[in-house]
Amino acid sequence: MKQWVCSKCGYVYTGESAPAQCPVCHVPSSAFKEKALGGEKRVLTSITKLNIQYAHRFLGYIGEAQYLHGHTGTLTLEVEGEVNTSNGFVVACNSIKNHAWEYLVNFDHAIILQKEDPILPELLKVYEAQGIKGGSPWNTSTGRAFDTDLAKAYPECRLVVVKKVATVENLIEVFYTLLKDTLNIKKLTFTSGDNAASFSV
C-alpha cells in the first residue's frame, strides 16, 4: 500500500492514490506527494513556548474577574512532522515561534475585550482623543491583522475583540484557528495565572 504526504501540513494518508483532499488542512489531492520507499522516516514533535502579557475582564462574571485585570500567559506549541535529515528538526523552534508571533503579538501587552463589552467604545473614544487609535510611533510590535469568527485584532491600538469571554479555554481555540493552516499542530497548552487548558489534535 502506498503512502501519501500532504505537502502543506504533513498528514500521511495510506491508499493506492492520494485522497481527494487533505482531511486536516483541506488542500486538494495535488498537494500530496508519494512517500519514497525505503527507510522509515522519524516522526517527532518540535516544542516551543511563547509568553503573552495581556489585560482582560470577564463580562457578566460575578467576582473579581469582572474587573479589568492583567495576566501573563504561556502558550506551548507542539508541531509534529518528519525529521528533516539535513538539519535534524521537524520545524526549528525559532521558526515556529517567529511564525506564530506574527499573529500572537497582537495579544501581547494588549487589551482583550468581548465585542459587547461597554468598555470597548469608551476605550476607543479615549484612544481617539489621545490621537493613538490609529497607531503611534511607539507602538512598534504590531502583528498581522486578522478577523475570524472568534476574534478580530486591531494591531494599531493593541486591542483584540473576542466573541467569547477570554478564558484560557476560549483563547486556545482562537490561537489554534489562527495557526492551524500553516503549522501541523499536535497540541497546544495555554497557562495563565493558576488557569490552564490544553488542546490536542
Protein backbone atom coordinates (compact mmCIF):
# COMPACT_ATOMS: atom_id res chain seq x y z
CA MET A 1 0.00 0.00 0.00
CA LYS A 2 1.29 3.47 -0.88
CA GLN A 3 1.67 6.39 1.49
CA TRP A 4 0.96 9.98 0.51
CA VAL A 5 2.23 13.03 2.42
CA CYS A 6 0.41 16.36 2.41
CA SER A 7 2.99 18.97 1.44
CA LYS A 8 1.16 21.64 3.45
CA CYS A 9 0.55 20.07 6.86
CA GLY A 10 2.44 16.75 6.81
CA TYR A 11 -0.61 14.49 7.13
CA VAL A 12 0.17 10.94 5.92
CA TYR A 13 -2.53 9.00 4.03
CA THR A 14 -2.33 5.29 3.19
CA GLY A 15 -4.02 4.13 -0.04
CA GLU A 16 -3.50 3.38 -3.70
CA SER A 17 -3.91 7.04 -4.60
CA ALA A 18 -3.96 10.35 -2.73
CA PRO A 19 -7.27 11.40 -1.14
CA ALA A 20 -9.46 13.95 -2.93
CA GLN A 21 -8.46 16.48 -0.29
CA CYS A 22 -6.45 16.54 2.94
CA PRO A 23 -8.76 15.81 5.90
CA VAL A 24 -6.60 18.06 8.10
CA CYS A 25 -5.92 21.20 6.07
CA HIS A 26 -8.32 20.60 3.12
CA VAL A 27 -5.84 21.19 0.29
CA PRO A 28 -6.60 19.23 -2.93
CA SER A 29 -5.02 15.88 -3.83
CA SER A 30 -2.45 17.68 -6.00
CA ALA A 31 -0.73 18.82 -2.77
CA PHE A 32 0.07 15.19 -1.85
CA LYS A 33 3.39 13.60 -2.78
CA GLU A 34 4.01 9.88 -2.70
CA LYS A 35 6.25 8.91 0.18
CA ALA A 36 9.50 7.40 -1.05
CA LEU A 37 10.06 3.74 -0.32
CA GLY A 38 12.98 2.87 1.86
CA GLY A 39 13.95 3.60 5.42
CA GLU A 40 11.25 4.78 7.76
CA LYS A 41 11.25 8.48 8.47
CA ARG A 42 11.39 9.55 12.08
CA VAL A 43 8.33 11.48 13.22
CA LEU A 44 8.93 13.78 16.17
CA THR A 45 7.41 16.82 17.80
CA SER A 46 9.11 20.22 17.99
CA ILE A 47 8.01 22.20 21.06
CA THR A 48 8.33 25.92 21.71
CA LYS A 49 6.86 28.42 24.16
CA LEU A 50 5.65 31.99 23.81
CA ASN A 51 4.88 34.39 26.67
CA ILE A 52 1.91 36.73 26.34
CA GLN A 53 1.03 39.57 28.72
CA TYR A 54 -2.46 40.96 28.42
CA ALA A 55 -5.36 42.60 30.26
CA HIS A 56 -8.96 41.44 30.10
CA ARG A 57 -12.12 41.00 32.12
CA PHE A 58 -14.97 38.53 32.24
CA LEU A 59 -18.10 40.41 31.20
CA GLY A 60 -21.09 39.46 33.37
CA TYR A 61 -18.95 37.42 35.77
CA ILE A 62 -19.72 37.69 39.48
CA GLY A 63 -16.41 38.09 41.30
CA GLU A 64 -13.06 39.83 40.93
CA ALA A 65 -12.65 38.79 37.28
CA GLN A 66 -15.40 41.25 36.26
CA TYR A 67 -12.79 43.98 36.75
CA LEU A 68 -10.12 44.72 34.17
CA HIS A 69 -7.01 42.80 35.27
CA GLY A 70 -3.68 41.68 33.87
CA HIS A 71 -2.26 38.24 33.17
CA THR A 72 0.95 36.66 32.00
CA GLY A 73 0.27 33.59 29.91
CA THR A 74 2.50 30.93 28.36
CA LEU A 75 1.47 29.20 25.16
CA THR A 76 3.22 25.90 24.44
CA LEU A 77 3.07 24.87 20.78
CA GLU A 78 3.81 21.28 19.73
CA VAL A 79 4.31 20.77 15.99
CA GLU A 80 4.62 17.24 14.59
CA GLY A 81 6.28 16.04 11.42
CA GLU A 82 9.06 14.05 9.85
CA VAL A 83 12.57 14.92 10.90
CA ASN A 84 14.44 16.86 8.23
CA THR A 85 17.63 14.85 7.69
CA SER A 86 19.61 17.93 6.68
CA ASN A 87 19.12 19.82 9.95
CA GLY A 88 17.62 17.35 12.45
CA PHE A 89 14.48 19.42 13.09
CA VAL A 90 10.82 18.80 12.43
CA VAL A 91 10.47 22.56 12.32
CA ALA A 92 13.09 24.69 14.02
CA CYS A 93 11.61 26.04 17.26
CA ASN A 94 12.63 29.59 16.34
CA SER A 95 10.76 29.21 13.04
CA ILE A 96 7.63 28.06 14.88
CA LYS A 97 7.94 30.93 17.33
CA ASN A 98 8.56 33.56 14.66
CA HIS A 99 5.65 32.39 12.54
CA ALA A 100 3.22 32.14 15.47
CA TRP A 101 4.33 35.51 16.82
CA GLU A 102 3.23 37.22 13.59
CA TYR A 103 -0.34 36.69 14.86
CA LEU A 104 0.07 36.30 18.61
CA VAL A 105 1.99 39.54 19.13
CA ASN A 106 -1.45 41.14 18.78
CA PHE A 107 -2.34 39.67 22.19
CA ASP A 108 0.86 40.78 23.93
CA HIS A 109 0.67 43.98 26.00
CA ALA A 110 -2.84 44.28 24.66
CA ILE A 111 -6.37 44.59 25.99
CA ILE A 112 -8.72 41.71 25.15
CA LEU A 113 -12.42 42.57 25.36
CA GLN A 114 -15.64 40.92 24.30
CA LYS A 115 -17.35 42.71 21.43
CA GLU A 116 -20.43 43.56 23.56
CA ASP A 117 -18.36 44.95 26.47
CA PRO A 118 -19.49 48.55 27.17
CA ILE A 119 -15.88 49.46 27.96
CA LEU A 120 -14.92 48.88 24.30
CA PRO A 121 -16.47 52.01 22.70
CA GLU A 122 -15.30 54.13 25.64
CA LEU A 123 -11.73 52.81 25.30
CA LEU A 124 -11.75 53.65 21.59
CA LYS A 125 -13.01 57.18 22.39
CA VAL A 126 -10.10 57.69 24.79
CA TYR A 127 -7.62 56.40 22.20
CA GLU A 128 -9.18 58.72 19.61
CA ALA A 129 -8.93 61.71 21.96
CA GLN A 130 -5.27 60.89 22.66
CA GLY A 131 -4.53 60.52 18.96
CA ILE A 132 -3.40 56.89 19.27
CA LYS A 133 -6.41 54.97 17.94
CA GLY A 134 -4.82 54.68 14.50
CA GLY A 135 -1.39 53.84 15.86
CA SER A 136 1.59 55.51 17.41
CA PRO A 137 5.30 55.73 16.55
CA TRP A 138 6.00 53.94 19.84
CA ASN A 139 3.73 51.00 19.02
CA THR A 140 6.33 49.03 17.09
CA SER A 141 5.25 45.46 17.96
CA THR A 142 2.29 45.19 15.65
CA GLY A 143 1.24 41.83 14.27
CA ARG A 144 -0.78 40.64 11.32
CA ALA A 145 -4.31 41.94 11.41
CA PHE A 146 -6.93 39.19 11.46
CA ASP A 147 -10.70 38.94 11.53
CA THR A 148 -12.08 35.46 12.20
CA ASP A 149 -15.37 34.12 13.55
CA LEU A 150 -13.77 34.08 17.02
CA ALA A 151 -11.70 37.27 17.22
CA LYS A 152 -10.61 40.44 15.49
CA ALA A 153 -7.26 42.16 16.01
CA TYR A 154 -6.66 45.89 15.92
CA PRO A 155 -2.83 45.89 15.86
CA GLU A 156 -2.57 49.65 15.54
CA CYS A 157 -4.08 50.14 19.02
CA ARG A 158 -3.08 46.91 20.82
CA LEU A 159 -6.62 45.59 21.07
CA VAL A 160 -8.22 42.20 20.38
CA VAL A 161 -12.01 41.88 20.36
CA VAL A 162 -13.25 38.35 21.06
CA LYS A 163 -16.63 36.69 20.59
CA LYS A 164 -16.42 34.65 23.81
CA VAL A 165 -15.06 35.58 27.23
CA ALA A 166 -11.23 35.39 27.21
CA THR A 167 -10.74 32.28 29.35
CA VAL A 168 -7.70 30.09 28.66
CA GLU A 169 -10.05 27.55 27.05
CA ASN A 170 -11.52 30.10 24.66
CA LEU A 171 -8.21 31.80 23.89
CA ILE A 172 -6.58 28.47 22.99
CA GLU A 173 -9.36 27.98 20.45
CA VAL A 174 -8.59 31.41 18.95
CA PHE A 175 -4.85 30.63 18.82
CA TYR A 176 -5.45 27.26 17.12
CA THR A 177 -7.72 28.84 14.50
CA LEU A 178 -5.02 31.37 13.63
CA LEU A 179 -2.19 28.83 13.30
CA LYS A 180 -3.73 25.53 12.16
CA ASP A 181 -3.47 26.18 8.43
CA THR A 182 0.27 26.79 8.45
CA LEU A 183 1.62 24.62 11.27
CA ASN A 184 0.98 20.88 11.78
CA ILE A 185 -0.07 21.41 15.39
CA LYS A 186 -0.24 18.29 17.54
CA LYS A 187 -1.04 20.02 20.82
CA LEU A 188 -1.47 23.48 22.32
CA THR A 189 -1.27 24.26 26.03
CA PHE A 190 -2.03 27.70 27.46
CA THR A 191 -1.42 28.62 31.09
CA SER A 192 -2.33 31.97 32.58
CA GLY A 193 -2.02 32.53 36.31
CA ASP A 194 -3.47 29.44 38.03
CA ASN A 195 -5.51 28.52 34.96
CA ALA A 196 -4.51 26.14 32.19
CA ALA A 197 -6.05 24.40 29.20
CA SER A 198 -4.73 22.09 26.51
CA PHE A 199 -5.99 21.07 23.11
CA SER A 200 -4.79 18.01 21.20
CA VAL A 201 -5.41 17.45 17.51
